[in-house]
All heavy atoms as atom14 arrays in JSON, in Angstrom:
{
  "sequence": "AARLCVTTATLTTAVNKLEKRGFIRRERDVEDRRKVMLSLT",
  "atom14_mask": [
    [1, 1, 1, 1, 1, 0, 0, 0, 0, 0, 0, 0, 0, 0],
    [1, 1, 1, 1, 1, 0, 0, 0, 0, 0, 0, 0, 0, 0],
    [1, 1, 1, 1, 1, 1, 1, 1, 1, 1, 1, 0, 0, 0],
    [1, 1, 1, 1, 1, 1, 1, 1, 0, 0, 0, 0, 0, 0],
    [1, 1, 1, 1, 1, 1, 0, 0, 0, 0, 0, 0, 0, 0],
    [1, 1, 1, 1, 1, 1, 1, 0, 0, 0, 0, 0, 0, 0],
    [1, 1, 1, 1, 1, 1, 1, 0, 0, 0, 0, 0, 0, 0],
    [1, 1, 1, 1, 1, 1, 1, 0, 0, 0, 0, 0, 0, 0],
    [1, 1, 1, 1, 1, 0, 0, 0, 0, 0, 0, 0, 0, 0],
    [1, 1, 1, 1, 1, 1, 1, 0, 0, 0, 0, 0, 0, 0],
    [1, 1, 1, 1, 1, 1, 1, 1, 0, 0, 0, 0, 0, 0],
    [1, 1, 1, 1, 1, 1, 1, 0, 0, 0, 0, 0, 0, 0],
    [1, 1, 1, 1, 1, 1, 1, 0, 0, 0, 0, 0, 0, 0],
    [1, 1, 1, 1, 1, 0, 0, 0, 0, 0, 0, 0, 0, 0],
    [1, 1, 1, 1, 1, 1, 1, 0, 0, 0, 0, 0, 0, 0],
    [1, 1, 1, 1, 1, 1, 1, 1, 0, 0, 0, 0, 0, 0],
    [1, 1, 1, 1, 1, 1, 1, 1, 1, 0, 0, 0, 0, 0],
    [1, 1, 1, 1, 1, 1, 1, 1, 0, 0, 0, 0, 0, 0],
    [1, 1, 1, 1, 1, 1, 1, 1, 1, 0, 0, 0, 0, 0],
    [1, 1, 1, 1, 1, 1, 1, 1, 1, 0, 0, 0, 0, 0],
    [1, 1, 1, 1, 1, 1, 1, 1, 1, 1, 1, 0, 0, 0],
    [1, 1, 1, 1, 0, 0, 0, 0, 0, 0, 0, 0, 0, 0],
    [1, 1, 1, 1, 1, 1, 1, 1, 1, 1, 1, 0, 0, 0],
    [1, 1, 1, 1, 1, 1, 1, 1, 0, 0, 0, 0, 0, 0],
    [1, 1, 1, 1, 1, 1, 1, 1, 1, 1, 1, 0, 0, 0],
    [1, 1, 1, 1, 1, 1, 1, 1, 1, 1, 1, 0, 0, 0],
    [1, 1, 1, 1, 1, 1, 1, 1, 1, 0, 0, 0, 0, 0],
    [1, 1, 1, 1, 1, 1, 1, 1, 1, 1, 1, 0, 0, 0],
    [1, 1, 1, 1, 1, 1, 1, 1, 0, 0, 0, 0, 0, 0],
    [1, 1, 1, 1, 1, 1, 1, 0, 0, 0, 0, 0, 0, 0],
    [1, 1, 1, 1, 1, 1, 1, 1, 1, 0, 0, 0, 0, 0],
    [1, 1, 1, 1, 1, 1, 1, 1, 0, 0, 0, 0, 0, 0],
    [1, 1, 1, 1, 1, 1, 1, 1, 1, 1, 1, 0, 0, 0],
    [1, 1, 1, 1, 1, 1, 1, 1, 1, 1, 1, 0, 0, 0],
    [1, 1, 1, 1, 1, 1, 1, 1, 1, 0, 0, 0, 0, 0],
    [1, 1, 1, 1, 1, 1, 1, 0, 0, 0, 0, 0, 0, 0],
    [1, 1, 1, 1, 1, 1, 1, 1, 0, 0, 0, 0, 0, 0],
    [1, 1, 1, 1, 1, 1, 1, 1, 0, 0, 0, 0, 0, 0],
    [1, 1, 1, 1, 1, 1, 0, 0, 0, 0, 0, 0, 0, 0],
    [1, 1, 1, 1, 1, 1, 1, 1, 0, 0, 0, 0, 0, 0],
    [1, 1, 1, 1, 1, 1, 1, 0, 0, 0, 0, 0, 0, 0]
  ],
  "atom14_positions": [
    [[-3.68, -12.45, 3.08], [-5.11, -12.15, 3.19], [-5.92, -13.44, 3.34], [-6.83, -13.52, 4.17], [-5.59, -11.36, 1.98], [0.0, 0.0, 0.0], [0.0, 0.0, 0.0], [0.0, 0.0, 0.0], [0.0, 0.0, 0.0], [0.0, 0.0, 0.0], [0.0, 0.0, 0.0], [0.0, 0.0, 0.0], [0.0, 0.0, 0.0], [0.0, 0.0, 0.0]],
    [[-5.57, -14.47, 2.57], [-6.27, -15.76, 2.67], [-6.05, -16.41, 4.04], [-6.99, -16.95, 4.63], [-5.8, -16.7, 1.55], [0.0, 0.0, 0.0], [0.0, 0.0, 0.0], [0.0, 0.0, 0.0], [0.0, 0.0, 0.0], [0.0, 0.0, 0.0], [0.0, 0.0, 0.0], [0.0, 0.0, 0.0], [0.0, 0.0, 0.0], [0.0, 0.0, 0.0]],
    [[-4.84, -16.33, 4.55], [-4.55, -16.89, 5.89], [-5.4, -16.21, 6.95], [-5.8, -16.84, 7.94], [-3.07, -16.72, 6.23], [-2.15, -17.64, 5.5], [-0.7, -17.4, 5.89], [0.19, -18.27, 5.14], [1.51, -18.19, 5.16], [2.11, -17.27, 5.91], [2.24, -19.02, 4.45], [0.0, 0.0, 0.0], [0.0, 0.0, 0.0], [0.0, 0.0, 0.0]],
    [[-5.64, -14.92, 6.78], [-6.4, -14.15, 7.77], [-7.9, -14.12, 7.48], [-8.66, -13.55, 8.26], [-5.86, -12.71, 7.82], [-4.44, -12.55, 8.34], [-3.92, -11.14, 8.07], [-4.37, -12.88, 9.82], [0.0, 0.0, 0.0], [0.0, 0.0, 0.0], [0.0, 0.0, 0.0], [0.0, 0.0, 0.0], [0.0, 0.0, 0.0], [0.0, 0.0, 0.0]],
    [[-8.3, -14.67, 6.34], [-9.71, -14.66, 5.91], [-10.23, -13.23, 5.78], [-11.32, -12.9, 6.26], [-10.59, -15.48, 6.85], [-10.12, -17.21, 6.93], [0.0, 0.0, 0.0], [0.0, 0.0, 0.0], [0.0, 0.0, 0.0], [0.0, 0.0, 0.0], [0.0, 0.0, 0.0], [0.0, 0.0, 0.0], [0.0, 0.0, 0.0], [0.0, 0.0, 0.0]],
    [[-9.42, -12.37, 5.16], [-9.81, -10.99, 4.89], [-9.54, -10.68, 3.41], [-8.85, -11.42, 2.74], [-9.05, -9.97, 5.78], [-9.32, -10.21, 7.25], [-7.55, -9.98, 5.49], [0.0, 0.0, 0.0], [0.0, 0.0, 0.0], [0.0, 0.0, 0.0], [0.0, 0.0, 0.0], [0.0, 0.0, 0.0], [0.0, 0.0, 0.0], [0.0, 0.0, 0.0]],
    [[-10.07, -9.57, 2.95], [-9.81, -9.14, 1.58], [-8.42, -8.51, 1.5], [-7.86, -8.07, 2.53], [-10.84, -8.12, 1.1], [-10.69, -6.92, 1.88], [-12.26, -8.66, 1.2], [0.0, 0.0, 0.0], [0.0, 0.0, 0.0], [0.0, 0.0, 0.0], [0.0, 0.0, 0.0], [0.0, 0.0, 0.0], [0.0, 0.0, 0.0], [0.0, 0.0, 0.0]],
    [[-7.88, -8.44, 0.31], [-6.59, -7.78, 0.11], [-6.69, -6.3, 0.48], [-5.76, -5.73, 1.05], [-6.1, -7.96, -1.34], [-6.07, -9.36, -1.63], [-4.7, -7.4, -1.53], [0.0, 0.0, 0.0], [0.0, 0.0, 0.0], [0.0, 0.0, 0.0], [0.0, 0.0, 0.0], [0.0, 0.0, 0.0], [0.0, 0.0, 0.0], [0.0, 0.0, 0.0]],
    [[-7.84, -5.68, 0.19], [-8.04, -4.28, 0.55], [-7.97, -4.07, 2.06], [-7.34, -3.12, 2.55], [-9.37, -3.78, 0.0], [0.0, 0.0, 0.0], [0.0, 0.0, 0.0], [0.0, 0.0, 0.0], [0.0, 0.0, 0.0], [0.0, 0.0, 0.0], [0.0, 0.0, 0.0], [0.0, 0.0, 0.0], [0.0, 0.0, 0.0], [0.0, 0.0, 0.0]],
    [[-8.61, -4.96, 2.81], [-8.56, -4.88, 4.28], [-7.14, -5.07, 4.77], [-6.67, -4.34, 5.65], [-9.49, -5.95, 4.9], [-10.82, -5.69, 4.49], [-9.4, -5.96, 6.41], [0.0, 0.0, 0.0], [0.0, 0.0, 0.0], [0.0, 0.0, 0.0], [0.0, 0.0, 0.0], [0.0, 0.0, 0.0], [0.0, 0.0, 0.0], [0.0, 0.0, 0.0]],
    [[-6.44, -6.03, 4.19], [-5.05, -6.28, 4.58], [-4.17, -5.07, 4.28], [-3.29, -4.73, 5.08], [-4.5, -7.52, 3.88], [-3.05, -7.87, 4.18], [-2.85, -8.15, 5.67], [-2.61, -9.06, 3.34], [0.0, 0.0, 0.0], [0.0, 0.0, 0.0], [0.0, 0.0, 0.0], [0.0, 0.0, 0.0], [0.0, 0.0, 0.0], [0.0, 0.0, 0.0]],
    [[-4.41, -4.4, 3.17], [-3.6, -3.24, 2.79], [-3.62, -2.17, 3.87], [-2.59, -1.56, 4.18], [-4.1, -2.66, 1.44], [-3.96, -3.66, 0.44], [-3.31, -1.43, 1.04], [0.0, 0.0, 0.0], [0.0, 0.0, 0.0], [0.0, 0.0, 0.0], [0.0, 0.0, 0.0], [0.0, 0.0, 0.0], [0.0, 0.0, 0.0], [0.0, 0.0, 0.0]],
    [[-4.77, -1.95, 4.48], [-4.88, -0.97, 5.56], [-3.96, -1.34, 6.72], [-3.22, -0.5, 7.24], [-6.34, -0.86, 6.05], [-7.16, -0.51, 4.93], [-6.49, 0.17, 7.14], [0.0, 0.0, 0.0], [0.0, 0.0, 0.0], [0.0, 0.0, 0.0], [0.0, 0.0, 0.0], [0.0, 0.0, 0.0], [0.0, 0.0, 0.0], [0.0, 0.0, 0.0]],
    [[-4.0, -2.61, 7.12], [-3.15, -3.07, 8.23], [-1.68, -3.0, 7.84], [-0.83, -2.59, 8.64], [-3.53, -4.49, 8.62], [0.0, 0.0, 0.0], [0.0, 0.0, 0.0], [0.0, 0.0, 0.0], [0.0, 0.0, 0.0], [0.0, 0.0, 0.0], [0.0, 0.0, 0.0], [0.0, 0.0, 0.0], [0.0, 0.0, 0.0], [0.0, 0.0, 0.0]],
    [[-1.37, -3.39, 6.61], [0.01, -3.39, 6.13], [0.58, -1.96, 6.13], [1.73, -1.75, 6.53], [0.1, -4.03, 4.73], [1.42, -3.72, 4.04], [-0.1, -5.53, 4.83], [0.0, 0.0, 0.0], [0.0, 0.0, 0.0], [0.0, 0.0, 0.0], [0.0, 0.0, 0.0], [0.0, 0.0, 0.0], [0.0, 0.0, 0.0], [0.0, 0.0, 0.0]],
    [[-0.22, -1.02, 5.7], [0.24, 0.39, 5.7], [0.67, 0.82, 7.1], [1.72, 1.43, 7.28], [-0.86, 1.32, 5.18], [-1.1, 1.15, 3.7], [-0.27, 0.62, 2.96], [-2.27, 1.59, 3.25], [0.0, 0.0, 0.0], [0.0, 0.0, 0.0], [0.0, 0.0, 0.0], [0.0, 0.0, 0.0], [0.0, 0.0, 0.0], [0.0, 0.0, 0.0]],
    [[-0.14, 0.5, 8.1], [0.17, 0.88, 9.48], [1.41, 0.14, 10.0], [2.29, 0.74, 10.62], [-1.02, 0.58, 10.4], [-2.21, 1.47, 10.19], [-3.35, 1.06, 11.1], [-4.61, 1.85, 10.82], [-5.73, 1.39, 11.65], [0.0, 0.0, 0.0], [0.0, 0.0, 0.0], [0.0, 0.0, 0.0], [0.0, 0.0, 0.0], [0.0, 0.0, 0.0]],
    [[1.45, -1.18, 9.74], [2.57, -1.98, 10.26], [3.89, -1.62, 9.58], [4.94, -1.62, 10.23], [2.27, -3.47, 10.09], [1.17, -4.01, 11.0], [0.76, -5.42, 10.58], [1.61, -3.99, 12.46], [0.0, 0.0, 0.0], [0.0, 0.0, 0.0], [0.0, 0.0, 0.0], [0.0, 0.0, 0.0], [0.0, 0.0, 0.0], [0.0, 0.0, 0.0]],
    [[3.84, -1.29, 8.31], [5.05, -0.89, 7.61], [5.54, 0.47, 8.14], [6.73, 0.66, 8.4], [4.8, -0.82, 6.11], [6.05, -0.46, 5.31], [5.79, -0.37, 3.82], [4.72, 0.13, 3.42], [6.67, -0.8, 3.06], [0.0, 0.0, 0.0], [0.0, 0.0, 0.0], [0.0, 0.0, 0.0], [0.0, 0.0, 0.0], [0.0, 0.0, 0.0]],
    [[4.62, 1.39, 8.3], [4.96, 2.73, 8.8], [5.6, 2.65, 10.19], [6.51, 3.41, 10.51], [3.69, 3.59, 8.85], [3.93, 5.02, 9.23], [2.64, 5.82, 9.18], [2.89, 7.26, 9.57], [1.66, 8.05, 9.52], [0.0, 0.0, 0.0], [0.0, 0.0, 0.0], [0.0, 0.0, 0.0], [0.0, 0.0, 0.0], [0.0, 0.0, 0.0]],
    [[5.14, 1.69, 10.99], [5.66, 1.54, 12.36], [6.91, 0.64, 12.42], [7.46, 0.42, 13.49], [4.57, 1.01, 13.27], [3.44, 2.05, 13.43], [2.28, 1.55, 14.21], [2.65, 1.3, 15.6], [1.87, 0.66, 16.45], [0.69, 0.21, 16.08], [2.26, 0.45, 17.68], [0.0, 0.0, 0.0], [0.0, 0.0, 0.0], [0.0, 0.0, 0.0]],
    [[7.32, 0.1, 11.27], [8.58, -0.64, 11.21], [8.5, -2.11, 11.55], [9.54, -2.73, 11.83], [0.0, 0.0, 0.0], [0.0, 0.0, 0.0], [0.0, 0.0, 0.0], [0.0, 0.0, 0.0], [0.0, 0.0, 0.0], [0.0, 0.0, 0.0], [0.0, 0.0, 0.0], [0.0, 0.0, 0.0], [0.0, 0.0, 0.0], [0.0, 0.0, 0.0]],
    [[7.3, -2.71, 11.53], [7.16, -4.13, 11.86], [7.26, -5.04, 10.64], [7.61, -6.22, 10.78], [5.82, -4.39, 12.57], [5.76, -3.8, 13.94], [5.11, -2.6, 14.17], [6.37, -4.43, 15.02], [5.05, -2.04, 15.44], [6.32, -3.89, 16.29], [5.65, -2.68, 16.5], [0.0, 0.0, 0.0], [0.0, 0.0, 0.0], [0.0, 0.0, 0.0]],
    [[6.91, -4.52, 9.48], [6.94, -5.34, 8.27], [7.61, -4.59, 7.13], [7.76, -3.37, 7.17], [5.54, -5.81, 7.83], [4.68, -4.63, 7.41], [4.85, -6.61, 8.92], [3.39, -5.06, 6.74], [0.0, 0.0, 0.0], [0.0, 0.0, 0.0], [0.0, 0.0, 0.0], [0.0, 0.0, 0.0], [0.0, 0.0, 0.0], [0.0, 0.0, 0.0]],
    [[7.99, -5.36, 6.13], [8.6, -4.81, 4.92], [7.73, -5.22, 3.74], [7.29, -6.37, 3.66], [10.0, -5.39, 4.77], [10.83, -4.86, 3.66], [12.25, -5.47, 3.66], [12.95, -5.27, 4.94], [13.16, -6.23, 5.85], [12.75, -7.45, 5.64], [13.8, -5.96, 6.96], [0.0, 0.0, 0.0], [0.0, 0.0, 0.0], [0.0, 0.0, 0.0]],
    [[7.5, -4.29, 2.84], [6.71, -4.55, 1.64], [7.62, -4.3, 0.43], [8.23, -3.23, 0.33], [5.51, -3.61, 1.62], [4.63, -3.76, 0.45], [3.4, -2.88, 0.45], [3.37, -1.79, 1.38], [2.25, -1.15, 1.73], [1.1, -1.49, 1.21], [2.28, -0.16, 2.59], [0.0, 0.0, 0.0], [0.0, 0.0, 0.0], [0.0, 0.0, 0.0]],
    [[7.71, -5.3, -0.45], [8.55, -5.18, -1.63], [7.85, -5.8, -2.83], [7.05, -6.72, -2.68], [9.88, -5.92, -1.42], [10.7, -5.43, -0.26], [11.89, -6.34, 0.05], [11.8, -7.55, -0.18], [12.9, -5.81, 0.52], [0.0, 0.0, 0.0], [0.0, 0.0, 0.0], [0.0, 0.0, 0.0], [0.0, 0.0, 0.0], [0.0, 0.0, 0.0]],
    [[8.17, -5.32, -4.0], [7.66, -5.91, -5.24], [8.44, -7.19, -5.53], [9.65, -7.25, -5.33], [7.81, -4.95, -6.42], [6.93, -3.74, -6.33], [5.57, -4.04, -6.86], [4.68, -2.91, -6.6], [3.39, -2.99, -6.69], [2.81, -4.13, -7.01], [2.64, -1.96, -6.45], [0.0, 0.0, 0.0], [0.0, 0.0, 0.0], [0.0, 0.0, 0.0]],
    [[7.75, -8.21, -6.02], [8.39, -9.46, -6.43], [9.3, -9.16, -7.62], [8.88, -8.48, -8.56], [7.31, -10.47, -6.81], [7.88, -11.85, -7.06], [8.87, -11.97, -7.8], [7.31, -12.83, -6.56], [0.0, 0.0, 0.0], [0.0, 0.0, 0.0], [0.0, 0.0, 0.0], [0.0, 0.0, 0.0], [0.0, 0.0, 0.0], [0.0, 0.0, 0.0]],
    [[10.53, -9.67, -7.58], [11.47, -9.38, -8.66], [11.06, -10.07, -9.98], [11.35, -9.56, -11.06], [12.92, -9.78, -8.29], [13.47, -8.85, -7.23], [13.0, -11.22, -7.83], [0.0, 0.0, 0.0], [0.0, 0.0, 0.0], [0.0, 0.0, 0.0], [0.0, 0.0, 0.0], [0.0, 0.0, 0.0], [0.0, 0.0, 0.0], [0.0, 0.0, 0.0]],
    [[10.38, -11.2, -9.88], [9.96, -11.93, -11.09], [8.62, -11.45, -11.64], [8.39, -11.5, -12.83], [9.91, -13.43, -10.81], [11.28, -14.02, -10.51], [11.21, -15.48, -10.11], [10.14, -16.11, -10.29], [12.22, -15.98, -9.62], [0.0, 0.0, 0.0], [0.0, 0.0, 0.0], [0.0, 0.0, 0.0], [0.0, 0.0, 0.0], [0.0, 0.0, 0.0]],
    [[7.74, -11.01, -10.75], [6.42, -10.53, -11.17], [6.14, -9.24, -10.41], [5.67, -9.28, -9.27], [5.36, -11.59, -10.88], [3.97, -11.18, -11.34], [3.77, -10.02, -11.74], [3.07, -12.05, -11.31], [0.0, 0.0, 0.0], [0.0, 0.0, 0.0], [0.0, 0.0, 0.0], [0.0, 0.0, 0.0], [0.0, 0.0, 0.0], [0.0, 0.0, 0.0]],
    [[6.43, -8.12, -11.01], [6.33, -6.83, -10.35], [4.92, -6.49, -9.88], [4.73, -5.59, -9.08], [6.84, -5.71, -11.28], [8.26, -5.9, -11.78], [9.32, -5.66, -10.75], [9.28, -4.31, -10.23], [9.78, -3.96, -9.06], [10.33, -4.83, -8.28], [9.71, -2.71, -8.65], [0.0, 0.0, 0.0], [0.0, 0.0, 0.0], [0.0, 0.0, 0.0]],
    [[3.92, -7.23, -10.35], [2.54, -6.98, -9.9], [2.33, -7.48, -8.48], [1.44, -6.99, -7.77], [1.53, -7.66, -10.84], [1.54, -7.1, -12.26], [0.7, -7.96, -13.16], [1.31, -9.3, -13.22], [0.77, -10.34, -13.83], [-0.39, -10.24, -14.43], [1.39, -11.51, -13.85], [0.0, 0.0, 0.0], [0.0, 0.0, 0.0], [0.0, 0.0, 0.0]],
    [[3.1, -8.45, -8.05], [2.96, -9.03, -6.71], [3.68, -8.18, -5.67], [4.82, -7.77, -5.86], [3.56, -10.44, -6.66], [2.75, -11.49, -7.33], [3.4, -12.84, -7.09], [2.65, -13.95, -7.79], [3.35, -15.23, -7.59], [0.0, 0.0, 0.0], [0.0, 0.0, 0.0], [0.0, 0.0, 0.0], [0.0, 0.0, 0.0], [0.0, 0.0, 0.0]],
    [[2.98, -7.96, -4.56], [3.58, -7.27, -3.41], [3.89, -8.33, -2.37], [3.01, -9.05, -1.91], [2.62, -6.2, -2.83], [3.22, -5.57, -1.59], [2.3, -5.15, -3.88], [0.0, 0.0, 0.0], [0.0, 0.0, 0.0], [0.0, 0.0, 0.0], [0.0, 0.0, 0.0], [0.0, 0.0, 0.0], [0.0, 0.0, 0.0], [0.0, 0.0, 0.0]],
    [[5.16, -8.43, -2.03], [5.63, -9.43, -1.07], [5.79, -8.8, 0.31], [6.29, -7.68, 0.43], [6.96, -10.01, -1.54], [6.93, -10.56, -2.96], [5.78, -11.93, -3.17], [6.69, -13.24, -2.37], [0.0, 0.0, 0.0], [0.0, 0.0, 0.0], [0.0, 0.0, 0.0], [0.0, 0.0, 0.0], [0.0, 0.0, 0.0], [0.0, 0.0, 0.0]],
    [[5.37, -9.55, 1.34], [5.48, -9.07, 2.72], [6.46, -9.95, 3.48], [6.49, -11.16, 3.31], [4.12, -9.13, 3.41], [3.0, -8.31, 2.79], [1.71, -8.52, 3.58], [3.36, -6.84, 2.73], [0.0, 0.0, 0.0], [0.0, 0.0, 0.0], [0.0, 0.0, 0.0], [0.0, 0.0, 0.0], [0.0, 0.0, 0.0], [0.0, 0.0, 0.0]],
    [[7.23, -9.31, 4.34], [8.11, -10.04, 5.25], [8.23, -9.21, 6.53], [7.88, -8.03, 6.56], [9.48, -10.28, 4.62], [10.09, -9.06, 4.29], [0.0, 0.0, 0.0], [0.0, 0.0, 0.0], [0.0, 0.0, 0.0], [0.0, 0.0, 0.0], [0.0, 0.0, 0.0], [0.0, 0.0, 0.0], [0.0, 0.0, 0.0], [0.0, 0.0, 0.0]],
    [[8.73, -9.85, 7.57], [8.88, -9.17, 8.85], [10.26, -8.53, 8.96], [11.25, -9.08, 8.47], [8.71, -10.16, 10.01], [7.37, -10.87, 10.12], [7.36, -11.79, 11.33], [6.22, -9.88, 10.18], [0.0, 0.0, 0.0], [0.0, 0.0, 0.0], [0.0, 0.0, 0.0], [0.0, 0.0, 0.0], [0.0, 0.0, 0.0], [0.0, 0.0, 0.0]],
    [[10.3, -7.41, 9.62], [11.57, -6.79, 9.99], [12.03, -7.44, 11.29], [11.31, -8.26, 11.88], [11.39, -5.28, 10.23], [10.48, -5.1, 11.32], [10.86, -4.57, 8.98], [0.0, 0.0, 0.0], [0.0, 0.0, 0.0], [0.0, 0.0, 0.0], [0.0, 0.0, 0.0], [0.0, 0.0, 0.0], [0.0, 0.0, 0.0], [0.0, 0.0, 0.0]]
  ]
}
């Protein structure tokens, strides 16, 4: 979100679409379950 200069809420909308379409992966951080980690498929 900081890299894109958007809010986390705004990013969440994009992430939902991109994950559903198979472009990205969203996972919880194993050390801090509060963090949502993003990576590319």
